[in-house]
Amino acid sequence: MAPVLFDWNNGSQLLELMDSFTQWLSQPHVLAVIMAWAVTFTAVCTLILCLGFGPAGIGAGTMAAAFQSFMYGAFTPAGGIFATLTSMAMLGTMMPPAAILAAVIATVVAIFVGVSGIGR
């Protein structure tokens, strides 16, 4: 018979596990890494969403509208990066890649914060 790591019928082991996890989580350097990841992820997602590509098309007065007006005028070529980004935003397929990009950037920042010892 395999050894039992935790006896889930006994609530005290679960409480001890949760208590030790809470103590580990409340350490300043761990909290600094978590906060760095969360702030970076939120900032990158917000920046991507604020570019101006949305479910209703290009938002008026946004960076995307200014770029479209400056580069293309009245004609936006089909199949280009701008048209593709517009299509992805309108179909709702832009956010998963944006979230993955934001997670990767946030992870790099969190690793830097952890390695540099911020919060210790």
C-alpha atoms as a PDB file:
ATOM      1  CA  MET A   1       0.000   0.000   0.000  1.00  0.00           C
ATOM      2  CA  ALA A   2       1.267   3.486  -0.915  1.00  0.00           C
ATOM      3  CA  PRO A   3       2.195   5.864   1.891  1.00  0.00           C
ATOM      4  CA  VAL A   4      -0.341   8.563   2.671  1.00  0.00           C
ATOM      5  CA  LEU A   5       1.165  12.048   2.609  1.00  0.00           C
ATOM      6  CA  PHE A   6      -1.840  13.821   4.064  1.00  0.00           C
ATOM      7  CA  ASP A   7      -4.779  12.468   5.963  1.00  0.00           C
ATOM      8  CA  TRP A   8      -7.488  14.753   4.602  1.00  0.00           C
ATOM      9  CA  ASN A   9      -9.950  13.360   7.140  1.00  0.00           C
ATOM     10  CA  ASN A  10      -7.907  15.035   9.845  1.00  0.00           C
ATOM     11  CA  GLY A  11      -8.513  18.778   9.494  1.00  0.00           C
ATOM     12  CA  SER A  12      -5.490  19.756  11.569  1.00  0.00           C
ATOM     13  CA  GLN A  13      -3.034  18.689   8.856  1.00  0.00           C
ATOM     14  CA  LEU A  14      -4.850  20.807   6.308  1.00  0.00           C
ATOM     15  CA  LEU A  15      -4.852  23.766   8.693  1.00  0.00           C
ATOM     16  CA  GLU A  16      -1.118  23.336   9.343  1.00  0.00           C
ATOM     17  CA  LEU A  17      -0.451  23.177   5.606  1.00  0.00           C
ATOM     18  CA  MET A  18      -2.494  26.312   4.986  1.00  0.00           C
ATOM     19  CA  ASP A  19      -0.791  28.092   7.897  1.00  0.00           C
ATOM     20  CA  SER A  20       2.713  27.261   6.629  1.00  0.00           C
ATOM     21  CA  PHE A  21       1.723  28.369   3.093  1.00  0.00           C
ATOM     22  CA  THR A  22       0.328  31.643   4.476  1.00  0.00           C
ATOM     23  CA  GLN A  23       3.533  32.263   6.456  1.00  0.00           C
ATOM     24  CA  TRP A  24       5.660  31.605   3.368  1.00  0.00           C
ATOM     25  CA  LEU A  25       3.427  33.837   1.247  1.00  0.00           C
ATOM     26  CA  SER A  26       3.633  36.736   3.708  1.00  0.00           C
ATOM     27  CA  GLN A  27       7.432  36.987   3.496  1.00  0.00           C
ATOM     28  CA  PRO A  28       8.452  40.345   1.998  1.00  0.00           C
ATOM     29  CA  HIS A  29      10.540  38.940  -0.858  1.00  0.00           C
ATOM     30  CA  VAL A  30       7.782  36.525  -1.919  1.00  0.00           C
ATOM     31  CA  LEU A  31       5.218  39.309  -1.761  1.00  0.00           C
ATOM     32  CA  ALA A  32       7.501  41.548  -3.856  1.00  0.00           C
ATOM     33  CA  VAL A  33       7.752  38.905  -6.595  1.00  0.00           C
ATOM     34  CA  ILE A  34       3.985  38.323  -6.638  1.00  0.00           C
ATOM     35  CA  MET A  35       3.228  42.045  -6.725  1.00  0.00           C
ATOM     36  CA  ALA A  36       5.784  42.627  -9.500  1.00  0.00           C
ATOM     37  CA  TRP A  37       4.151  39.900 -11.588  1.00  0.00           C
ATOM     38  CA  ALA A  38       0.619  41.179 -10.984  1.00  0.00           C
ATOM     39  CA  VAL A  39       1.428  44.837 -11.677  1.00  0.00           C
ATOM     40  CA  THR A  40       3.410  44.026 -14.830  1.00  0.00           C
ATOM     41  CA  PHE A  41       0.722  41.673 -16.172  1.00  0.00           C
ATOM     42  CA  THR A  42      -1.984  44.277 -15.566  1.00  0.00           C
ATOM     43  CA  ALA A  43       0.064  47.084 -17.116  1.00  0.00           C
ATOM     44  CA  VAL A  44       0.910  45.112 -20.270  1.00  0.00           C
ATOM     45  CA  CYS A  45      -2.693  43.931 -20.751  1.00  0.00           C
ATOM     46  CA  THR A  46      -3.970  47.475 -20.233  1.00  0.00           C
ATOM     47  CA  LEU A  47      -1.428  48.872 -22.676  1.00  0.00           C
ATOM     48  CA  ILE A  48      -2.410  46.332 -25.326  1.00  0.00           C
ATOM     49  CA  LEU A  49      -6.108  47.028 -24.813  1.00  0.00           C
ATOM     50  CA  CYS A  50      -5.538  50.802 -24.951  1.00  0.00           C
ATOM     51  CA  LEU A  51      -3.935  50.646 -28.385  1.00  0.00           C
ATOM     52  CA  GLY A  52      -7.389  51.064 -29.896  1.00  0.00           C
ATOM     53  CA  PHE A  53      -8.255  47.692 -31.374  1.00  0.00           C
ATOM     54  CA  GLY A  54     -11.604  46.617 -29.974  1.00  0.00           C
ATOM     55  CA  PRO A  55     -14.672  44.471 -30.616  1.00  0.00           C
ATOM     56  CA  ALA A  56     -16.367  47.343 -32.479  1.00  0.00           C
ATOM     57  CA  GLY A  57     -13.320  48.055 -34.649  1.00  0.00           C
ATOM     58  CA  ILE A  58     -10.809  50.863 -34.298  1.00  0.00           C
ATOM     59  CA  GLY A  59     -11.664  53.239 -31.463  1.00  0.00           C
ATOM     60  CA  ALA A  60     -11.881  56.934 -32.323  1.00  0.00           C
ATOM     61  CA  GLY A  61      -8.993  59.025 -31.019  1.00  0.00           C
ATOM     62  CA  THR A  62      -6.774  56.047 -30.181  1.00  0.00           C
ATOM     63  CA  MET A  63      -3.227  55.277 -31.257  1.00  0.00           C
ATOM     64  CA  ALA A  64      -4.558  52.749 -33.763  1.00  0.00           C
ATOM     65  CA  ALA A  65      -6.817  55.389 -35.346  1.00  0.00           C
ATOM     66  CA  ALA A  66      -3.938  57.871 -35.555  1.00  0.00           C
ATOM     67  CA  PHE A  67      -1.681  55.239 -37.118  1.00  0.00           C
ATOM     68  CA  GLN A  68      -4.358  54.220 -39.612  1.00  0.00           C
ATOM     69  CA  SER A  69      -5.014  57.826 -40.585  1.00  0.00           C
ATOM     70  CA  PHE A  70      -1.310  58.655 -40.933  1.00  0.00           C
ATOM     71  CA  MET A  71      -0.177  55.515 -42.761  1.00  0.00           C
ATOM     72  CA  TYR A  72      -3.149  54.474 -44.858  1.00  0.00           C
ATOM     73  CA  GLY A  73      -5.531  57.412 -45.123  1.00  0.00           C
ATOM     74  CA  ALA A  74      -8.765  56.118 -46.600  1.00  0.00           C
ATOM     75  CA  PHE A  75      -7.300  52.814 -47.813  1.00  0.00           C
ATOM     76  CA  THR A  76      -6.231  50.037 -45.451  1.00  0.00           C
ATOM     77  CA  PRO A  77      -4.765  47.090 -47.371  1.00  0.00           C
ATOM     78  CA  ALA A  78      -6.346  43.705 -46.718  1.00  0.00           C
ATOM     79  CA  GLY A  79      -4.094  41.046 -45.234  1.00  0.00           C
ATOM     80  CA  GLY A  80      -1.684  43.522 -43.662  1.00  0.00           C
ATOM     81  CA  ILE A  81      -0.733  43.553 -39.990  1.00  0.00           C
ATOM     82  CA  PHE A  82      -3.126  46.411 -39.247  1.00  0.00           C
ATOM     83  CA  ALA A  83      -6.086  44.651 -40.881  1.00  0.00           C
ATOM     84  CA  THR A  84      -5.148  41.396 -39.160  1.00  0.00           C
ATOM     85  CA  LEU A  85      -4.996  43.054 -35.727  1.00  0.00           C
ATOM     86  CA  THR A  86      -8.349  44.738 -36.373  1.00  0.00           C
ATOM     87  CA  SER A  87      -9.892  41.427 -37.394  1.00  0.00           C
ATOM     88  CA  MET A  88      -8.431  39.610 -34.389  1.00  0.00           C
ATOM     89  CA  ALA A  89      -9.791  42.247 -32.012  1.00  0.00           C
ATOM     90  CA  MET A  90     -13.248  42.182 -33.583  1.00  0.00           C
ATOM     91  CA  LEU A  91     -13.387  38.368 -33.491  1.00  0.00           C
ATOM     92  CA  GLY A  92     -12.117  38.226 -29.903  1.00  0.00           C
ATOM     93  CA  THR A  93      -8.995  36.238 -30.749  1.00  0.00           C
ATOM     94  CA  MET A  94      -6.571  39.022 -29.836  1.00  0.00           C
ATOM     95  CA  MET A  95      -6.759  38.720 -26.056  1.00  0.00           C
ATOM     96  CA  PRO A  96      -5.380  35.162 -25.612  1.00  0.00           C
ATOM     97  CA  PRO A  97      -2.094  35.992 -27.391  1.00  0.00           C
ATOM     98  CA  ALA A  98      -2.008  39.330 -25.568  1.00  0.00           C
ATOM     99  CA  ALA A  99      -2.473  37.573 -22.223  1.00  0.00           C
ATOM    100  CA  ILE A 100       0.276  35.084 -23.075  1.00  0.00           C
ATOM    101  CA  LEU A 101       2.623  37.929 -24.034  1.00  0.00           C
ATOM    102  CA  ALA A 102       1.734  39.788 -20.828  1.00  0.00           C
ATOM    103  CA  ALA A 103       2.335  36.630 -18.753  1.00  0.00           C
ATOM    104  CA  VAL A 104       5.749  36.066 -20.342  1.00  0.00           C
ATOM    105  CA  ILE A 105       6.821  39.674 -19.772  1.00  0.00           C
ATOM    106  CA  ALA A 106       5.464  39.593 -16.194  1.00  0.00           C
ATOM    107  CA  THR A 107       7.324  36.349 -15.496  1.00  0.00           C
ATOM    108  CA  VAL A 108      10.606  37.845 -16.724  1.00  0.00           C
ATOM    109  CA  VAL A 109      10.060  40.879 -14.483  1.00  0.00           C
ATOM    110  CA  ALA A 110       9.158  38.652 -11.505  1.00  0.00           C
ATOM    111  CA  ILE A 111      12.285  36.539 -12.026  1.00  0.00           C
ATOM    112  CA  PHE A 112      14.387  39.716 -12.153  1.00  0.00           C
ATOM    113  CA  VAL A 113      12.778  40.945  -8.918  1.00  0.00           C
ATOM    114  CA  GLY A 114      13.374  37.583  -7.240  1.00  0.00           C
ATOM    115  CA  VAL A 115      16.969  37.278  -8.384  1.00  0.00           C
ATOM    116  CA  SER A 116      17.853  40.869  -7.516  1.00  0.00           C
ATOM    117  CA  GLY A 117      16.626  40.358  -3.960  1.00  0.00           C
ATOM    118  CA  ILE A 118      14.131  43.167  -3.861  1.00  0.00           C
ATOM    119  CA  GLY A 119      12.129  42.962  -0.633  1.00  0.00           C
ATOM    120  CA  ARG A 120      14.783  41.177   1.395  1.00  0.00           C
END
